[in-house]
């Protein structure tokens, strides 16, 4: 099971809907207009098939942050999403990320950090945002393998790379 974590409004639900849509169509086909989504209160379970392997992704609502650790024991990977267009959320997202990476139950779990909404103009560049996160320091100190991608769940930019990551971390 893969956990999908991040603050409220970062685009977790849309990401899952888009990844499912890519799997239903030719990967080069047009994704169309993004579907309407609502903030997740609780959890959503979504199955995504990548190269004939079914991967269950458990999305945990951002408001459930305090109880995320109770779900760590069941997961084999973590996707942590950050809203790259929301500069006011940077510090809280960084604290949440550090909490996830320092959890003993996740010390060997592969982690994908997604900077979402890269298609939206932002007063801070992505380089500046990553610097505020001290991402290089975080990655060098992490006990687990960490991958960082820039995506737009809305436009579909980078989503094939997310599917490739999901495939690459699945155990045979």
C-alpha atoms as a PDB file:
ATOM      1  CA  UNK A   1       0.000   0.000   0.000  1.00  0.00           C
ATOM      2  CA  UNK A   2       1.173   3.507  -0.852  1.00  0.00           C
ATOM      3  CA  UNK A   3       0.199   6.419   1.402  1.00  0.00           C
ATOM      4  CA  UNK A   4      -0.628   9.763  -0.215  1.00  0.00           C
ATOM      5  CA  UNK A   5      -0.087  12.580   2.273  1.00  0.00           C
ATOM      6  CA  UNK A   6      -0.032  16.367   2.242  1.00  0.00           C
ATOM      7  CA  UNK A   7      -1.814  19.424   3.556  1.00  0.00           C
ATOM      8  CA  UNK A   8      -5.424  20.200   2.674  1.00  0.00           C
ATOM      9  CA  UNK A   9      -5.811  21.555  -0.859  1.00  0.00           C
ATOM     10  CA  UNK A  10      -2.506  20.398  -2.340  1.00  0.00           C
ATOM     11  CA  UNK A  11      -4.221  18.292  -5.030  1.00  0.00           C
ATOM     12  CA  UNK A  12      -4.053  14.726  -3.718  1.00  0.00           C
ATOM     13  CA  UNK A  13      -7.538  13.712  -4.881  1.00  0.00           C
ATOM     14  CA  UNK A  14      -7.030  15.229  -8.337  1.00  0.00           C
ATOM     15  CA  UNK A  15      -3.677  13.455  -8.647  1.00  0.00           C
ATOM     16  CA  UNK A  16      -5.324  10.069  -8.049  1.00  0.00           C
ATOM     17  CA  UNK A  17      -8.171  10.784 -10.479  1.00  0.00           C
ATOM     18  CA  UNK A  18      -5.672  11.829 -13.156  1.00  0.00           C
ATOM     19  CA  UNK A  19      -3.426   8.796 -12.595  1.00  0.00           C
ATOM     20  CA  UNK A  20      -6.462   6.531 -12.986  1.00  0.00           C
ATOM     21  CA  UNK A  21      -7.465   8.394 -16.154  1.00  0.00           C
ATOM     22  CA  UNK A  22      -3.994   7.951 -17.659  1.00  0.00           C
ATOM     23  CA  UNK A  23      -4.249   4.207 -17.021  1.00  0.00           C
ATOM     24  CA  UNK A  24      -7.646   4.002 -18.714  1.00  0.00           C
ATOM     25  CA  UNK A  25      -6.414   5.725 -21.850  1.00  0.00           C
ATOM     26  CA  UNK A  26      -3.397   5.713 -24.072  1.00  0.00           C
ATOM     27  CA  UNK A  27      -0.759   7.511 -21.987  1.00  0.00           C
ATOM     28  CA  UNK A  28      -0.357  10.104 -24.737  1.00  0.00           C
ATOM     29  CA  UNK A  29      -4.067  10.819 -25.019  1.00  0.00           C
ATOM     30  CA  UNK A  30      -5.601  14.105 -23.910  1.00  0.00           C
ATOM     31  CA  UNK A  31      -6.630  14.122 -20.252  1.00  0.00           C
ATOM     32  CA  UNK A  32      -9.454  16.579 -20.792  1.00  0.00           C
ATOM     33  CA  UNK A  33     -10.809  18.988 -18.218  1.00  0.00           C
ATOM     34  CA  UNK A  34      -9.927  18.163 -14.624  1.00  0.00           C
ATOM     35  CA  UNK A  35     -12.813  16.652 -12.664  1.00  0.00           C
ATOM     36  CA  UNK A  36     -14.282  18.501  -9.712  1.00  0.00           C
ATOM     37  CA  UNK A  37     -12.883  17.457  -6.345  1.00  0.00           C
ATOM     38  CA  UNK A  38     -13.627  18.164  -2.708  1.00  0.00           C
ATOM     39  CA  UNK A  39     -11.188  18.099   0.203  1.00  0.00           C
ATOM     40  CA  UNK A  40     -10.884  14.588   1.591  1.00  0.00           C
ATOM     41  CA  UNK A  41     -12.216  14.148   5.093  1.00  0.00           C
ATOM     42  CA  UNK A  42     -11.031  10.740   6.180  1.00  0.00           C
ATOM     43  CA  UNK A  43      -9.410   8.384   3.697  1.00  0.00           C
ATOM     44  CA  UNK A  44      -9.852   7.319   0.090  1.00  0.00           C
ATOM     45  CA  UNK A  45      -8.592   4.022  -1.310  1.00  0.00           C
ATOM     46  CA  UNK A  46      -7.730   4.005  -4.999  1.00  0.00           C
ATOM     47  CA  UNK A  47      -6.339   1.144  -7.069  1.00  0.00           C
ATOM     48  CA  UNK A  48      -3.934   2.059  -9.850  1.00  0.00           C
ATOM     49  CA  UNK A  49      -2.584  -0.544 -12.252  1.00  0.00           C
ATOM     50  CA  UNK A  50       0.964   0.036 -13.420  1.00  0.00           C
ATOM     51  CA  UNK A  51       2.468  -2.512 -15.829  1.00  0.00           C
ATOM     52  CA  UNK A  52      -0.098  -5.141 -14.822  1.00  0.00           C
ATOM     53  CA  UNK A  53       0.553  -4.601 -11.109  1.00  0.00           C
ATOM     54  CA  UNK A  54      -2.238  -3.292  -8.914  1.00  0.00           C
ATOM     55  CA  UNK A  55      -1.119  -0.644  -6.453  1.00  0.00           C
ATOM     56  CA  UNK A  56      -3.475   0.509  -3.732  1.00  0.00           C
ATOM     57  CA  UNK A  57      -3.034   4.139  -2.763  1.00  0.00           C
ATOM     58  CA  UNK A  58      -4.532   5.346   0.508  1.00  0.00           C
ATOM     59  CA  UNK A  59      -5.108   9.071   0.440  1.00  0.00           C
ATOM     60  CA  UNK A  60      -5.293  10.613   3.892  1.00  0.00           C
ATOM     61  CA  UNK A  61      -6.985  13.982   4.210  1.00  0.00           C
ATOM     62  CA  UNK A  62      -4.761  16.868   5.224  1.00  0.00           C
ATOM     63  CA  UNK A  63      -6.940  17.498   8.268  1.00  0.00           C
ATOM     64  CA  UNK A  64      -5.978  14.011   9.487  1.00  0.00           C
ATOM     65  CA  UNK A  65      -2.305  14.970   9.872  1.00  0.00           C
ATOM     66  CA  UNK A  66      -2.230  14.271  13.615  1.00  0.00           C
ATOM     67  CA  UNK A  67      -3.246  10.628  13.078  1.00  0.00           C
ATOM     68  CA  UNK A  68      -1.212   9.888   9.920  1.00  0.00           C
ATOM     69  CA  UNK A  69       1.277   7.822  11.967  1.00  0.00           C
ATOM     70  CA  UNK A  70      -1.410   5.243  12.759  1.00  0.00           C
ATOM     71  CA  UNK A  71      -1.385   4.340   9.025  1.00  0.00           C
ATOM     72  CA  UNK A  72       2.403   4.022   8.610  1.00  0.00           C
ATOM     73  CA  UNK A  73       2.616   0.332   9.546  1.00  0.00           C
ATOM     74  CA  UNK A  74       0.591  -0.782   6.523  1.00  0.00           C
ATOM     75  CA  UNK A  75       2.487   1.109   3.845  1.00  0.00           C
ATOM     76  CA  UNK A  76       5.341   0.211   1.530  1.00  0.00           C
ATOM     77  CA  UNK A  77       5.787   3.698   0.051  1.00  0.00           C
ATOM     78  CA  UNK A  78       4.779   7.310   0.651  1.00  0.00           C
ATOM     79  CA  UNK A  79       3.905  10.131  -1.712  1.00  0.00           C
ATOM     80  CA  UNK A  80       4.061  13.507   0.021  1.00  0.00           C
ATOM     81  CA  UNK A  81       2.499  16.400  -1.905  1.00  0.00           C
ATOM     82  CA  UNK A  82       3.328  20.078  -1.577  1.00  0.00           C
ATOM     83  CA  UNK A  83       1.389  22.943  -3.155  1.00  0.00           C
ATOM     84  CA  UNK A  84       4.146  24.759  -5.051  1.00  0.00           C
ATOM     85  CA  UNK A  85       1.841  27.725  -5.670  1.00  0.00           C
ATOM     86  CA  UNK A  86       0.972  28.321  -2.009  1.00  0.00           C
ATOM     87  CA  UNK A  87       3.848  30.126  -0.304  1.00  0.00           C
ATOM     88  CA  UNK A  88       1.894  30.474   2.946  1.00  0.00           C
ATOM     89  CA  UNK A  89       1.819  26.700   3.321  1.00  0.00           C
ATOM     90  CA  UNK A  90       5.566  26.130   2.924  1.00  0.00           C
ATOM     91  CA  UNK A  91       6.529  26.051   6.596  1.00  0.00           C
ATOM     92  CA  UNK A  92       3.680  23.771   7.711  1.00  0.00           C
ATOM     93  CA  UNK A  93       4.303  21.407   4.782  1.00  0.00           C
ATOM     94  CA  UNK A  94       7.993  21.269   5.674  1.00  0.00           C
ATOM     95  CA  UNK A  95       7.175  20.396   9.291  1.00  0.00           C
ATOM     96  CA  UNK A  96       4.774  17.670   8.133  1.00  0.00           C
ATOM     97  CA  UNK A  97       7.392  16.284   5.745  1.00  0.00           C
ATOM     98  CA  UNK A  98      10.049  16.187   8.470  1.00  0.00           C
ATOM     99  CA  UNK A  99       7.596  14.383  10.736  1.00  0.00           C
ATOM    100  CA  UNK A 100       6.935  11.772   8.027  1.00  0.00           C
ATOM    101  CA  UNK A 101      10.635  11.272   7.261  1.00  0.00           C
ATOM    102  CA  UNK A 102      11.575  10.931  10.931  1.00  0.00           C
ATOM    103  CA  UNK A 103       8.910   8.330  11.710  1.00  0.00           C
ATOM    104  CA  UNK A 104      10.578   5.100  12.802  1.00  0.00           C
ATOM    105  CA  UNK A 105       7.959   2.995  10.966  1.00  0.00           C
ATOM    106  CA  UNK A 106       8.957   4.673   7.682  1.00  0.00           C
ATOM    107  CA  UNK A 107      12.731   4.649   8.042  1.00  0.00           C
ATOM    108  CA  UNK A 108      13.259   2.351   5.029  1.00  0.00           C
ATOM    109  CA  UNK A 109      10.113   3.274   3.087  1.00  0.00           C
ATOM    110  CA  UNK A 110      10.575   4.902  -0.341  1.00  0.00           C
ATOM    111  CA  UNK A 111       9.299   8.477  -0.381  1.00  0.00           C
ATOM    112  CA  UNK A 112       8.238  10.584  -3.354  1.00  0.00           C
ATOM    113  CA  UNK A 113       7.965  14.319  -2.732  1.00  0.00           C
ATOM    114  CA  UNK A 114       5.709  15.963  -5.305  1.00  0.00           C
ATOM    115  CA  UNK A 115       5.723  19.696  -5.854  1.00  0.00           C
ATOM    116  CA  UNK A 116       2.273  20.100  -7.412  1.00  0.00           C
ATOM    117  CA  UNK A 117       0.690  23.054  -9.242  1.00  0.00           C
ATOM    118  CA  UNK A 118       3.918  24.011 -11.021  1.00  0.00           C
ATOM    119  CA  UNK A 119       1.753  25.323 -13.864  1.00  0.00           C
ATOM    120  CA  UNK A 120       0.351  28.139 -11.685  1.00  0.00           C
ATOM    121  CA  UNK A 121       2.294  31.403 -11.455  1.00  0.00           C
ATOM    122  CA  UNK A 122       3.726  31.887  -7.988  1.00  0.00           C
ATOM    123  CA  UNK A 123       5.495  34.824  -6.352  1.00  0.00           C
ATOM    124  CA  UNK A 124       8.259  32.430  -5.295  1.00  0.00           C
ATOM    125  CA  UNK A 125      10.232  30.304  -7.737  1.00  0.00           C
ATOM    126  CA  UNK A 126      10.380  26.553  -7.234  1.00  0.00           C
ATOM    127  CA  UNK A 127      14.131  26.874  -6.603  1.00  0.00           C
ATOM    128  CA  UNK A 128      13.412  29.361  -3.789  1.00  0.00           C
ATOM    129  CA  UNK A 129      10.713  27.116  -2.346  1.00  0.00           C
ATOM    130  CA  UNK A 130      12.998  24.079  -2.349  1.00  0.00           C
ATOM    131  CA  UNK A 131      15.659  26.215  -0.697  1.00  0.00           C
ATOM    132  CA  UNK A 132      13.208  27.226   2.050  1.00  0.00           C
ATOM    133  CA  UNK A 133      12.460  23.554   2.577  1.00  0.00           C
ATOM    134  CA  UNK A 134      16.213  22.917   2.748  1.00  0.00           C
ATOM    135  CA  UNK A 135      15.395  19.997   0.507  1.00  0.00           C
ATOM    136  CA  UNK A 136      19.017  19.051  -0.181  1.00  0.00           C
ATOM    137  CA  UNK A 137      19.682  18.804   3.572  1.00  0.00           C
ATOM    138  CA  UNK A 138      16.485  16.846   4.156  1.00  0.00           C
ATOM    139  CA  UNK A 139      17.329  14.338   1.425  1.00  0.00           C
ATOM    140  CA  UNK A 140      20.935  13.902   2.576  1.00  0.00           C
ATOM    141  CA  UNK A 141      19.813  13.231   6.190  1.00  0.00           C
ATOM    142  CA  UNK A 142      16.881  10.961   5.351  1.00  0.00           C
ATOM    143  CA  UNK A 143      17.296   7.267   6.106  1.00  0.00           C
ATOM    144  CA  UNK A 144      14.965   6.297   3.289  1.00  0.00           C
ATOM    145  CA  UNK A 145      15.273   6.728  -0.486  1.00  0.00           C
ATOM    146  CA  UNK A 146      13.713  10.078  -1.443  1.00  0.00           C
ATOM    147  CA  UNK A 147      12.716  11.174  -4.953  1.00  0.00           C
ATOM    148  CA  UNK A 148      11.504  14.668  -5.843  1.00  0.00           C
ATOM    149  CA  UNK A 149       9.295  15.461  -8.839  1.00  0.00           C
ATOM    150  CA  UNK A 150       7.535  18.557 -10.112  1.00  0.00           C
ATOM    151  CA  UNK A 151       4.011  17.944 -11.410  1.00  0.00           C
ATOM    152  CA  UNK A 152       0.719  19.503 -12.326  1.00  0.00           C
ATOM    153  CA  UNK A 153      -2.172  17.207 -11.522  1.00  0.00           C
ATOM    154  CA  UNK A 154      -4.393  19.682 -13.379  1.00  0.00           C
ATOM    155  CA  UNK A 155      -2.530  19.660 -16.711  1.00  0.00           C
ATOM    156  CA  UNK A 156      -1.006  16.202 -16.404  1.00  0.00           C
ATOM    157  CA  UNK A 157       2.587  17.450 -16.473  1.00  0.00           C
ATOM    158  CA  UNK A 158       4.915  14.930 -14.806  1.00  0.00           C
ATOM    159  CA  UNK A 159       2.244  12.323 -14.057  1.00  0.00           C
ATOM    160  CA  UNK A 160       3.884   9.626 -16.185  1.00  0.00           C
ATOM    161  CA  UNK A 161       6.972  10.066 -13.995  1.00  0.00           C
ATOM    162  CA  UNK A 162       4.811   9.411 -10.927  1.00  0.00           C
ATOM    163  CA  UNK A 163       3.573   6.167 -12.510  1.00  0.00           C
ATOM    164  CA  UNK A 164       7.176   5.196 -13.343  1.00  0.00           C
ATOM    165  CA  UNK A 165       8.166   5.814  -9.711  1.00  0.00           C
ATOM    166  CA  UNK A 166       5.249   3.726  -8.434  1.00  0.00           C
ATOM    167  CA  UNK A 167       6.291   0.898 -10.743  1.00  0.00           C
ATOM    168  CA  UNK A 168       9.971   1.140  -9.785  1.00  0.00           C
ATOM    169  CA  UNK A 169       9.395   0.848  -6.023  1.00  0.00           C
ATOM    170  CA  UNK A 170       6.983  -2.100  -6.155  1.00  0.00           C
ATOM    171  CA  UNK A 171       8.437  -5.306  -4.780  1.00  0.00           C
ATOM    172  CA  UNK A 172       8.295  -8.333  -7.008  1.00  0.00           C
END
